[in-house]
Each structure stands twice: as structure tokens, then as C-alpha cells.
């Protein structure tokens, strides 16, 4: 009887291990690659870029649902094999059914993809993948509470008023100006 229990436990364990896929989540990708020296990474609380911003209380309220922004960038000149492998892994993650397409753009040298989680009225996270085929790729992830599409529009409209020193240093390191 004891050997049957052990055998069944072993079979269940093997089945569970075999059924687990090795797909990485977007969050795990950010954590793992954020520690990789091939990447440039930044994690910003909305308080960081809102603190020095010259916004009216009304403008602050419009973008209050955005809580955090994660950035990750890979310059192509570091390792072509790693670049292609990581880009393929990232595209596989972003093609997961968890993410809903918002926009895709593909040009001669540039590519951009916007996806989100949540629903069209209450977005939980917005992910922007941008690639310049000569220079590298960048991934941005905006996290918040029940963000509305208008919140992103308002954020873009207010960019010149925000304190973006941390982001400027990040984007200067990876020149994706062609995107």
C-alpha cells in the first residue's frame, strides 16, 4: 500500500512537472533582464516624475491612475545572438492571449506594438514594445489602477510638464529616435 502511494505521488509529480510550460511571464522577463548587464533598466513610480511636474490639481487627477512605469532596453551592438533570442522570447510573451492588441506598426527599419491587460474601459497595464532594427529594442510597461485610455492620452499631452530626467538618461543611452 505504501509503495502504491509513493508510486502515485511520483506519477502525479512527473505529470505536474511535464504539464508546466517554460513560458516566462512579462514580469519575470522584466525582473530577469533588468538584472542582466546587457540591458538598461529603469523602474519609476509615478511620484518620481510627477514630483517636479508643473501640473494643476486637475491635470494630476487625470493621470493619477498611472502608478508605475518600467523601462527595459537592449542595444543591438552588445550581442546579436542574445538580441535575437531575447527579442523572440519577448514577442512570444506579448503574443500570449493575456495581452490584447491595441496597435501594431511595422516599417522598413522600425516596429512598434502596444498591448494591454484588463478591458477597454479599465486597463491594468499598457505595454509598449519598440524596435529600431539597426539600434535595438525598448520595452515600457505602465501599471495602474483601472486606467482609462484617456489617461494615456492625457499623459502624452502633459509630457512637456513632467520631470523626465530619469527617462531622458535612459533614452539617451539607447537612441531609438527613429521609432
Protein backbone atom coordinates (compact mmCIF):
# COMPACT_ATOMS: atom_id res chain seq x y z
CA UNK A 1 0.00 0.00 0.00
CA UNK A 2 2.83 2.36 0.86
CA UNK A 3 4.58 1.70 -2.47
CA UNK A 4 1.32 2.43 -4.32
CA UNK A 5 1.06 5.82 -2.57
CA UNK A 6 4.67 6.61 -3.37
CA UNK A 7 4.22 5.50 -6.98
CA UNK A 8 1.06 7.59 -7.38
CA UNK A 9 2.76 10.60 -5.78
CA UNK A 10 5.70 10.19 -8.13
CA UNK A 11 3.41 9.91 -11.18
CA UNK A 12 1.41 12.98 -10.16
CA UNK A 13 4.64 14.93 -9.60
CA UNK A 14 6.01 13.91 -13.00
CA UNK A 15 2.71 14.81 -14.66
CA UNK A 16 2.66 18.22 -12.99
CA UNK A 17 6.25 18.94 -13.96
CA UNK A 18 5.62 17.85 -17.54
CA UNK A 19 2.48 19.95 -17.83
CA UNK A 20 4.24 23.12 -16.66
CA UNK A 21 5.41 25.11 -19.60
CA UNK A 22 8.59 27.09 -19.53
CA UNK A 23 6.96 30.27 -20.83
CA UNK A 24 8.20 33.30 -18.96
CA UNK A 25 5.74 35.96 -17.83
CA UNK A 26 6.31 39.58 -18.75
CA UNK A 27 7.01 40.42 -15.12
CA UNK A 28 9.59 37.62 -14.88
CA UNK A 29 11.17 38.89 -18.11
CA UNK A 30 11.47 42.39 -16.62
CA UNK A 31 12.98 41.05 -13.40
CA UNK A 32 15.44 38.69 -15.07
CA UNK A 33 16.55 41.02 -17.87
CA UNK A 34 16.60 44.03 -15.54
CA UNK A 35 19.49 42.36 -13.71
CA UNK A 36 21.29 41.47 -16.95
CA UNK A 37 24.19 43.83 -17.78
CA UNK A 38 23.26 43.68 -21.48
CA UNK A 39 20.12 45.67 -20.66
CA UNK A 40 19.43 49.18 -19.47
CA UNK A 41 16.57 49.20 -16.97
CA UNK A 42 14.59 51.78 -15.04
CA UNK A 43 11.62 51.47 -12.73
CA UNK A 44 9.82 54.67 -11.88
CA UNK A 45 7.00 55.34 -9.52
CA UNK A 46 4.61 57.94 -10.86
CA UNK A 47 5.58 60.04 -7.83
CA UNK A 48 9.10 60.36 -9.25
CA UNK A 49 8.14 62.06 -12.49
CA UNK A 50 5.12 63.86 -11.04
CA UNK A 51 7.03 65.38 -8.10
CA UNK A 52 8.79 68.07 -10.14
CA UNK A 53 5.97 68.48 -12.62
CA UNK A 54 4.25 71.80 -13.02
CA UNK A 55 0.72 70.36 -13.16
CA UNK A 56 -2.57 71.73 -11.97
CA UNK A 57 -4.53 69.59 -9.49
CA UNK A 58 -6.94 68.81 -12.34
CA UNK A 59 -4.07 67.56 -14.55
CA UNK A 60 -2.66 65.46 -11.69
CA UNK A 61 -6.05 63.85 -11.21
CA UNK A 62 -6.25 62.95 -14.91
CA UNK A 63 -3.12 60.79 -14.72
CA UNK A 64 -3.41 59.66 -11.08
CA UNK A 65 -4.37 56.12 -12.12
CA UNK A 66 -0.86 55.51 -13.53
CA UNK A 67 1.18 54.14 -10.62
CA UNK A 68 4.44 52.86 -12.05
CA UNK A 69 6.46 52.71 -15.26
CA UNK A 70 9.07 50.04 -16.04
CA UNK A 71 11.59 50.51 -18.86
CA UNK A 72 13.91 47.93 -20.36
CA UNK A 73 16.17 48.39 -23.37
CA UNK A 74 18.66 46.27 -25.26
CA UNK A 75 21.20 47.83 -27.60
CA UNK A 76 21.82 45.65 -30.62
CA UNK A 77 25.59 46.17 -30.59
CA UNK A 78 26.04 44.11 -27.41
CA UNK A 79 25.34 40.57 -28.70
CA UNK A 80 23.43 39.76 -31.87
CA UNK A 81 22.60 36.17 -30.86
CA UNK A 82 21.33 37.22 -27.43
CA UNK A 83 19.45 40.12 -29.02
CA UNK A 84 17.58 37.85 -31.46
CA UNK A 85 16.90 35.22 -28.79
CA UNK A 86 15.59 37.71 -26.22
CA UNK A 87 13.51 39.55 -28.84
CA UNK A 88 11.90 36.27 -29.92
CA UNK A 89 11.19 35.37 -26.30
CA UNK A 90 9.65 38.79 -25.69
CA UNK A 91 7.48 38.56 -28.80
CA UNK A 92 6.26 35.15 -27.64
CA UNK A 93 5.31 36.65 -24.26
CA UNK A 94 3.49 39.58 -25.89
CA UNK A 95 1.56 37.24 -28.20
CA UNK A 96 0.07 35.43 -25.21
CA UNK A 97 -3.73 35.53 -25.02
CA UNK A 98 -3.40 37.50 -21.75
CA UNK A 99 -2.47 40.57 -23.80
CA UNK A 100 -4.90 42.33 -26.10
CA UNK A 101 -3.61 44.18 -29.16
CA UNK A 102 -4.07 47.90 -29.17
CA UNK A 103 -1.80 48.89 -32.06
CA UNK A 104 0.85 47.42 -34.34
CA UNK A 105 3.22 49.31 -36.61
CA UNK A 106 5.86 47.84 -38.87
CA UNK A 107 8.04 49.91 -41.16
CA UNK A 108 11.28 49.39 -43.03
CA UNK A 109 13.54 49.95 -40.01
CA UNK A 110 11.11 50.23 -37.11
CA UNK A 111 8.47 48.21 -35.39
CA UNK A 112 6.11 49.05 -32.55
CA UNK A 113 3.48 47.06 -30.71
CA UNK A 114 1.10 48.23 -27.99
CA UNK A 115 -0.78 45.66 -25.94
CA UNK A 116 -2.75 45.83 -22.72
CA UNK A 117 -4.33 43.74 -19.99
CA UNK A 118 -7.73 44.40 -18.48
CA UNK A 119 -10.57 45.62 -20.61
CA UNK A 120 -11.05 48.57 -22.93
CA UNK A 121 -12.57 50.75 -20.21
CA UNK A 122 -10.30 49.76 -17.29
CA UNK A 123 -6.76 48.95 -18.37
CA UNK A 124 -4.48 47.31 -15.78
CA UNK A 125 -1.25 47.59 -17.73
CA UNK A 126 -0.15 49.02 -21.05
CA UNK A 127 2.94 47.56 -22.71
CA UNK A 128 4.88 49.28 -25.47
CA UNK A 129 7.45 47.31 -27.46
CA UNK A 130 9.50 49.42 -29.89
CA UNK A 131 12.37 48.29 -32.08
CA UNK A 132 14.77 50.05 -34.37
CA UNK A 133 16.26 47.19 -36.39
CA UNK A 134 19.67 48.89 -36.51
CA UNK A 135 19.87 50.05 -32.89
CA UNK A 136 17.87 47.81 -30.57
CA UNK A 137 14.58 47.46 -28.76
CA UNK A 138 12.82 49.04 -25.84
CA UNK A 139 10.02 47.80 -23.65
CA UNK A 140 7.88 50.08 -21.48
CA UNK A 141 5.21 48.89 -19.09
CA UNK A 142 2.74 51.28 -17.46
CA UNK A 143 0.96 49.86 -14.43
CA UNK A 144 -2.01 51.37 -12.67
CA UNK A 145 -5.43 51.00 -11.22
CA UNK A 146 -8.30 50.98 -13.69
CA UNK A 147 -6.51 53.23 -16.15
CA UNK A 148 -8.63 54.67 -18.90
CA UNK A 149 -7.45 55.15 -22.48
CA UNK A 150 -7.89 58.88 -21.87
CA UNK A 151 -5.25 58.65 -19.08
CA UNK A 152 -2.60 57.72 -21.66
CA UNK A 153 -3.72 60.47 -23.98
CA UNK A 154 -3.51 62.94 -21.07
CA UNK A 155 -0.06 61.67 -20.14
CA UNK A 156 1.20 62.25 -23.68
CA UNK A 157 -0.34 65.73 -23.72
CA UNK A 158 1.41 66.63 -20.44
CA UNK A 159 4.86 65.18 -21.28
CA UNK A 160 6.47 68.62 -21.55
CA UNK A 161 5.36 69.41 -17.98
CA UNK A 162 6.67 66.21 -16.37
CA UNK A 163 10.06 65.76 -14.71
CA UNK A 164 11.58 63.23 -17.09
CA UNK A 165 15.28 63.49 -16.14
CA UNK A 166 15.45 59.78 -15.25
CA UNK A 167 13.82 58.83 -18.52
CA UNK A 168 15.97 61.21 -20.59
CA UNK A 169 19.14 59.50 -19.34
CA UNK A 170 17.64 56.15 -20.15
CA UNK A 171 16.54 57.05 -23.66
CA UNK A 172 19.82 58.81 -24.39
CA UNK A 173 21.69 55.55 -23.68
CA UNK A 174 19.53 53.78 -26.25
CA UNK A 175 18.94 56.05 -29.21
CA UNK A 176 15.66 54.83 -30.62
CA UNK A 177 14.93 58.19 -32.17
CA UNK A 178 14.00 56.52 -35.44
CA UNK A 179 10.97 54.89 -33.84
